[in-house]
Amino acid sequence: MSVIAFIGLGNMGIGMASNLAHAGHEVRALDISKDAIARAVEAGCVGAKNAKDAVESADIVVTMLPAGAHVKMVYGGDDGVFEYAQPGTLMIDSSTIDVADAREVIASAQAKGFDMIDAPVSGGVGGAAAGTLTFMCGGTKAAYDRAKPILDLMGKNIFHAGDAGNGQVAKVCNNMLLGIHMIGTCEAFNLAEKLGLDAQTFYDISSTASGQNWSMTSYCPAPGPVESAPSNKDYQPGFAAAMMLKDLRLAQSAATKAKAATPLGTQAEAIYSLMEAAGKDGLDFSGVMKLINGSL
C-alpha cells in the first residue's frame, strides 16, 4: 500500500481521501481547517501538521483545492510540495482551475522530475463519498498509467484526455454545456407551466422526445418528476450554483484565450451571475429555475 498526502479536505476532498484510506492506504490529510482534518482522521486518515509532514515520505500527492492560485502556492510556494516531495513522487491535482494554470504547474513538476497529471472531477459530493466520480485526466501516458489505480479507488469513470491541462479542458467544456442545458430545461418547464401544461405531463412527453437531456431526466429542475432531484429538496445543493458559475467563468477565460466563440456560454455565465448578485448562489445550480420563474 502507498503513503498518500491528500491536501484539501473540502466537501469533495473529504470523501475522496476517505475512500483512499478505506482501501488500505496511509492517507496523510492536510487542510487549513483543523475541523476538516479532524473529520478526515475520524474517516481513517492520519492528520498532518503541515506540508512537510504530509509530503516528505509520501509516494503520491493528491490535491483538491479551490482555485489556481491555491494550486500554485501549494505546489510551488515556500514550504510547498515541490520542496519536500521525494524523487519519483506522483502528483495528482483534482482541483478545477484555469487550463493555463494547470499546464504551468505540471510543467514545473516535470522540470523537477516529478510525474503529474491534472484530474478534475465530475459527480458532486455524493459521487465523492460513494467513490463514483468521473475523472478527466491530462498529462503524459506514463503519469496517467501510474495514477489510474489510485483514481479507480475514488471513481468509476476514468478518462485520459491527452496532454497536460486537457483534463481541465474537458471539465470546463462539459460544465459549460451542462449550464446551458440546465437553463434551457428551466425555460422549457417554465414556459410549459405558463401555457397550462403541468410539469409531470411535460416531463413524460419531453423525456421521451428530442428535448430529452440529463438536466431533465436525472436532475429535473421542476419539482415533482424526479424524486431524487434537488428541486424536491428546496434546491439544497448537490452542485452549488456558485460552483457552476466558477466553471462557467473558467470556460469563458479559456474561450477568450483561444479566441473561441461561445455566445451561449457567455449568456449562461451572465445568468448564473444574477444568482450570485442575489445572494442565492448557495442553492443548487438547478435552482436557476427560481430565477427563471421569478421566485428567487
Protein backbone atom coordinates (compact mmCIF):
# COMPACT_ATOMS: atom_id res chain seq x y z
CA MET A 1 0.00 0.00 0.00
CA SER A 2 1.07 3.57 -0.65
CA VAL A 3 1.58 6.61 1.54
CA ILE A 4 -0.65 9.34 0.11
CA ALA A 5 -0.59 13.03 1.04
CA PHE A 6 -4.07 14.46 0.49
CA ILE A 7 -4.24 18.25 0.60
CA GLY A 8 -7.63 19.98 0.52
CA LEU A 9 -10.42 18.43 2.58
CA GLY A 10 -13.48 20.37 1.48
CA ASN A 11 -16.84 18.79 0.67
CA MET A 12 -15.31 16.83 -2.20
CA GLY A 13 -11.85 16.17 -0.79
CA ILE A 14 -13.03 14.59 2.44
CA GLY A 15 -14.93 11.86 0.62
CA MET A 16 -12.08 11.21 -1.79
CA ALA A 17 -9.49 10.97 1.00
CA SER A 18 -11.77 8.69 3.00
CA ASN A 19 -12.10 6.25 0.12
CA LEU A 20 -8.32 6.04 -0.24
CA ALA A 21 -7.98 5.34 3.49
CA HIS A 22 -10.72 2.71 3.39
CA ALA A 23 -8.80 0.98 0.59
CA GLY A 24 -5.91 0.48 2.98
CA HIS A 25 -3.58 3.31 2.04
CA GLU A 26 -1.96 5.54 4.64
CA VAL A 27 -3.53 8.91 3.87
CA ARG A 28 -1.93 11.95 5.44
CA ALA A 29 -4.65 14.57 5.42
CA LEU A 30 -3.92 18.30 5.37
CA ASP A 31 -6.18 21.35 5.25
CA ILE A 32 -6.16 24.89 6.61
CA SER A 33 -9.22 23.87 8.66
CA LYS A 34 -8.47 21.86 11.81
CA ASP A 35 -12.08 20.69 11.83
CA ALA A 36 -11.63 19.27 8.32
CA ILE A 37 -8.51 17.39 9.42
CA ALA A 38 -10.41 16.04 12.44
CA ARG A 39 -13.18 14.74 10.16
CA ALA A 40 -10.58 13.08 7.95
CA VAL A 41 -8.99 11.39 10.97
CA GLU A 42 -12.42 10.08 12.00
CA ALA A 43 -12.71 8.64 8.48
CA GLY A 44 -9.44 6.72 8.79
CA CYS A 45 -6.81 9.23 7.65
CA VAL A 46 -3.77 10.43 9.57
CA GLY A 47 -3.74 14.14 10.38
CA ALA A 48 -0.77 16.09 9.03
CA LYS A 49 0.65 19.20 10.72
CA ASN A 50 1.99 20.91 7.61
CA ALA A 51 3.08 20.27 4.04
CA LYS A 52 6.42 18.81 5.11
CA ASP A 53 4.71 16.38 7.47
CA ALA A 54 2.23 15.32 4.77
CA VAL A 55 4.55 15.11 1.77
CA GLU A 56 8.06 14.26 2.91
CA SER A 57 7.87 10.46 2.63
CA ALA A 58 4.70 10.17 0.52
CA ASP A 59 4.56 8.10 -2.65
CA ILE A 60 1.65 10.12 -4.05
CA VAL A 61 0.30 13.63 -3.53
CA VAL A 62 -3.37 14.37 -4.28
CA THR A 63 -4.71 17.92 -4.13
CA MET A 64 -8.30 19.20 -4.19
CA LEU A 65 -8.15 22.98 -3.91
CA PRO A 66 -10.45 25.94 -4.68
CA ALA A 67 -8.53 27.84 -7.37
CA GLY A 68 -5.39 28.04 -9.48
CA ALA A 69 -3.70 30.45 -7.07
CA HIS A 70 -4.03 27.88 -4.30
CA VAL A 71 -2.65 25.11 -6.52
CA LYS A 72 0.38 27.22 -7.47
CA MET A 73 1.03 28.09 -3.83
CA VAL A 74 0.61 24.55 -2.50
CA TYR A 75 2.95 23.05 -5.08
CA GLY A 76 5.47 25.77 -5.83
CA GLY A 77 5.30 28.21 -2.93
CA ASP A 78 7.57 28.40 0.08
CA ASP A 79 7.21 25.16 2.06
CA GLY A 80 5.32 23.71 -0.90
CA VAL A 81 5.01 20.18 -2.24
CA PHE A 82 7.91 20.53 -4.68
CA GLU A 83 10.24 21.44 -1.84
CA TYR A 84 9.54 18.35 0.25
CA ALA A 85 8.48 15.61 -2.19
CA GLN A 86 10.90 12.74 -2.63
CA PRO A 87 12.17 11.81 -6.11
CA GLY A 88 9.63 9.80 -8.08
CA THR A 89 6.58 11.12 -6.23
CA LEU A 90 3.39 11.03 -8.32
CA MET A 91 1.26 14.17 -8.16
CA ILE A 92 -2.45 14.33 -8.94
CA ASP A 93 -4.29 17.65 -8.89
CA SER A 94 -8.07 17.18 -8.89
CA SER A 95 -8.86 20.87 -8.48
CA THR A 96 -10.87 22.61 -11.20
CA ILE A 97 -8.68 25.51 -12.32
CA ASP A 98 -7.72 27.55 -15.36
CA VAL A 99 -6.23 25.47 -18.17
CA ALA A 100 -3.14 27.68 -18.36
CA ASP A 101 -2.54 27.38 -14.60
CA ALA A 102 -2.76 23.59 -14.76
CA ARG A 103 -0.26 23.44 -17.61
CA GLU A 104 2.11 25.79 -15.79
CA VAL A 105 2.13 23.73 -12.59
CA ILE A 106 2.56 20.44 -14.45
CA ALA A 107 5.43 21.88 -16.48
CA SER A 108 7.12 22.92 -13.22
CA ALA A 109 6.62 19.44 -11.79
CA GLN A 110 8.09 17.81 -14.88
CA ALA A 111 11.08 20.17 -14.80
CA LYS A 112 11.76 18.94 -11.28
CA GLY A 113 11.50 15.30 -12.33
CA PHE A 114 8.02 14.52 -10.99
CA ASP A 115 5.14 12.78 -12.77
CA MET A 116 1.98 14.89 -12.55
CA ILE A 117 -1.50 14.96 -14.03
CA ASP A 118 -4.46 17.29 -13.81
CA ALA A 119 -7.52 15.22 -12.93
CA PRO A 120 -10.61 17.36 -12.27
CA VAL A 121 -13.77 15.52 -11.35
CA SER A 122 -17.47 15.37 -12.06
CA GLY A 123 -20.02 13.71 -9.84
CA GLY A 124 -20.57 16.05 -6.92
CA VAL A 125 -20.35 15.48 -3.18
CA GLY A 126 -22.40 12.29 -3.42
CA GLY A 127 -20.05 10.86 -6.02
CA ALA A 128 -17.02 11.76 -3.91
CA ALA A 129 -18.45 9.97 -0.89
CA ALA A 130 -19.58 6.93 -2.89
CA GLY A 131 -16.38 6.62 -4.93
CA THR A 132 -18.25 7.01 -8.21
CA LEU A 133 -16.63 10.19 -9.58
CA THR A 134 -15.64 10.75 -13.19
CA PHE A 135 -12.00 11.83 -13.59
CA MET A 136 -10.85 13.74 -16.67
CA CYS A 137 -7.07 13.50 -16.82
CA GLY A 138 -4.37 15.43 -18.65
CA GLY A 139 -0.69 14.56 -18.72
CA THR A 140 1.72 12.01 -20.10
CA LYS A 141 0.51 8.46 -20.65
CA ALA A 142 3.12 7.23 -18.18
CA ALA A 143 1.88 9.58 -15.44
CA TYR A 144 -1.74 8.68 -16.19
CA ASP A 145 -0.99 4.95 -16.02
CA ARG A 146 0.63 5.44 -12.60
CA ALA A 147 -2.35 7.47 -11.36
CA LYS A 148 -5.18 5.29 -12.65
CA PRO A 149 -5.10 2.62 -9.90
CA ILE A 150 -5.45 5.39 -7.31
CA LEU A 151 -8.19 7.16 -9.26
CA ASP A 152 -10.06 3.85 -9.59
CA LEU A 153 -10.49 3.88 -5.79
CA MET A 154 -12.27 7.23 -5.96
CA GLY A 155 -14.21 7.00 -9.22
CA LYS A 156 -15.87 4.69 -11.70
CA ASN A 157 -15.13 6.53 -14.97
CA ILE A 158 -11.51 7.46 -15.60
CA PHE A 159 -10.52 9.13 -18.87
CA HIS A 160 -7.17 10.16 -20.29
CA ALA A 161 -7.94 13.32 -22.25
CA GLY A 162 -4.44 13.83 -23.59
CA ASP A 163 -1.70 16.31 -22.78
CA ALA A 164 -1.29 18.35 -19.60
CA GLY A 165 -4.26 20.63 -18.98
CA ASN A 166 -6.64 18.63 -21.17
CA GLY A 167 -8.44 17.31 -18.11
CA GLN A 168 -9.36 20.91 -17.31
CA VAL A 169 -10.41 21.45 -20.93
CA ALA A 170 -12.80 18.50 -20.73
CA LYS A 171 -14.17 19.66 -17.36
CA VAL A 172 -14.93 23.28 -18.28
CA CYS A 173 -16.38 22.37 -21.68
CA ASN A 174 -18.61 19.70 -20.11
CA ASN A 175 -19.83 22.03 -17.39
CA MET A 176 -20.41 24.89 -19.80
CA LEU A 177 -22.67 22.54 -21.76
CA LEU A 178 -24.36 21.41 -18.53
CA GLY A 179 -25.06 25.00 -17.50
CA ILE A 180 -26.54 25.79 -20.91
CA HIS A 181 -28.69 22.63 -20.80
CA MET A 182 -29.95 23.42 -17.31
CA ILE A 183 -31.01 26.95 -18.21
CA GLY A 184 -32.76 25.74 -21.37
CA THR A 185 -34.52 22.99 -19.41
CA CYS A 186 -35.71 25.52 -16.83
CA GLU A 187 -37.03 27.82 -19.55
CA ALA A 188 -38.92 24.95 -21.19
CA PHE A 189 -40.59 23.82 -17.96
CA ASN A 190 -41.45 27.39 -17.03
CA LEU A 191 -42.98 28.09 -20.44
CA ALA A 192 -44.95 24.83 -20.31
CA GLU A 193 -46.40 25.80 -16.93
CA LYS A 194 -47.27 29.32 -18.09
CA LEU A 195 -49.13 27.82 -21.04
CA GLY A 196 -51.11 25.41 -18.86
CA LEU A 197 -49.08 22.18 -19.12
CA ASP A 198 -48.10 20.70 -15.75
CA ALA A 199 -44.50 19.64 -15.06
CA GLN A 200 -45.18 15.91 -14.83
CA THR A 201 -47.01 15.75 -18.15
CA PHE A 202 -44.37 17.83 -19.91
CA TYR A 203 -41.67 15.62 -18.38
CA ASP A 204 -43.42 12.42 -19.51
CA ILE A 205 -43.56 13.75 -23.07
CA SER A 206 -40.23 15.56 -23.44
CA SER A 207 -38.17 12.95 -21.60
CA THR A 208 -39.01 10.52 -24.42
CA ALA A 209 -38.75 13.10 -27.22
CA SER A 210 -35.97 15.07 -28.85
CA GLY A 211 -35.69 17.56 -25.96
CA GLN A 212 -34.51 14.85 -23.57
CA ASN A 213 -31.29 15.63 -21.71
CA TRP A 214 -29.53 14.79 -18.44
CA SER A 215 -30.66 18.01 -16.74
CA MET A 216 -34.23 16.89 -17.34
CA THR A 217 -34.19 13.16 -16.70
CA SER A 218 -31.63 12.89 -13.89
CA TYR A 219 -31.77 16.33 -12.26
CA CYS A 220 -35.11 17.83 -13.22
CA PRO A 221 -35.22 21.49 -12.10
CA ALA A 222 -39.02 21.45 -11.85
CA PRO A 223 -40.31 19.96 -8.57
CA GLY A 224 -42.12 16.68 -8.94
CA PRO A 225 -40.95 14.49 -11.81
CA VAL A 226 -37.56 13.27 -10.48
CA GLU A 227 -37.89 12.42 -6.80
CA SER A 228 -34.16 12.50 -6.02
CA ALA A 229 -33.54 15.89 -7.68
CA PRO A 230 -32.63 18.95 -5.57
CA SER A 231 -35.80 20.64 -6.84
CA ASN A 232 -37.71 18.36 -4.47
CA LYS A 233 -35.46 19.33 -1.55
CA ASP A 234 -35.86 23.11 -1.76
CA TYR A 235 -32.82 23.21 -4.10
CA GLN A 236 -30.35 22.21 -1.41
CA PRO A 237 -27.07 21.79 -3.29
CA GLY A 238 -25.55 18.70 -4.70
CA PHE A 239 -23.60 21.04 -7.00
CA ALA A 240 -24.00 24.65 -5.94
CA ALA A 241 -24.73 27.47 -8.36
CA ALA A 242 -21.54 29.15 -7.10
CA MET A 243 -19.51 26.18 -8.35
CA MET A 244 -21.28 26.21 -11.70
CA LEU A 245 -20.51 29.92 -12.01
CA LYS A 246 -16.86 29.26 -11.21
CA ASP A 247 -16.70 26.69 -14.03
CA LEU A 248 -18.53 28.95 -16.47
CA ARG A 249 -16.04 31.72 -15.73
CA LEU A 250 -13.16 29.34 -16.30
CA ALA A 251 -14.74 28.31 -19.61
CA GLN A 252 -15.07 31.95 -20.67
CA SER A 253 -11.47 32.68 -19.69
CA ALA A 254 -10.29 29.74 -21.77
CA ALA A 255 -12.54 30.73 -24.68
CA THR A 256 -11.15 34.26 -24.69
CA LYS A 257 -7.57 32.99 -24.78
CA ALA A 258 -8.42 30.51 -27.55
CA LYS A 259 -10.47 33.09 -29.49
CA ALA A 260 -13.39 30.64 -29.50
CA ALA A 261 -16.95 31.90 -29.87
CA THR A 262 -19.19 30.73 -27.00
CA PRO A 263 -22.25 33.02 -27.09
CA LEU A 264 -24.48 30.62 -25.12
CA GLY A 265 -21.69 30.01 -22.61
CA THR A 266 -21.35 33.77 -22.19
CA GLN A 267 -25.08 34.09 -21.58
CA ALA A 268 -25.07 31.16 -19.13
CA GLU A 269 -22.34 32.90 -17.12
CA ALA A 270 -24.38 36.10 -17.05
CA ILE A 271 -27.49 34.27 -15.83
CA TYR A 272 -25.68 32.45 -13.02
CA SER A 273 -24.02 35.75 -12.10
CA LEU A 274 -27.52 37.03 -11.36
CA MET A 275 -27.92 34.28 -8.77
CA GLU A 276 -24.63 35.36 -7.22
CA ALA A 277 -25.73 39.00 -7.17
CA ALA A 278 -28.96 37.99 -5.46
CA GLY A 279 -27.04 36.10 -2.78
CA LYS A 280 -28.63 32.82 -3.87
CA ASP A 281 -25.60 31.05 -5.33
CA GLY A 282 -25.58 28.65 -2.38
CA LEU A 283 -28.60 26.95 -3.93
CA ASP A 284 -28.10 24.00 -6.22
CA PHE A 285 -27.32 25.02 -9.79
CA SER A 286 -30.76 23.72 -10.80
CA GLY A 287 -32.10 26.48 -8.56
CA VAL A 288 -31.68 28.76 -11.56
CA MET A 289 -35.27 27.66 -12.10
CA LYS A 290 -36.23 30.11 -9.33
CA LEU A 291 -34.54 32.91 -11.28
CA ILE A 292 -36.29 31.90 -14.50
CA ASN A 293 -39.77 31.70 -12.94
CA GLY A 294 -39.36 34.84 -10.82
CA SER A 295 -39.45 33.17 -7.41
CA LEU A 296 -35.79 33.70 -6.45
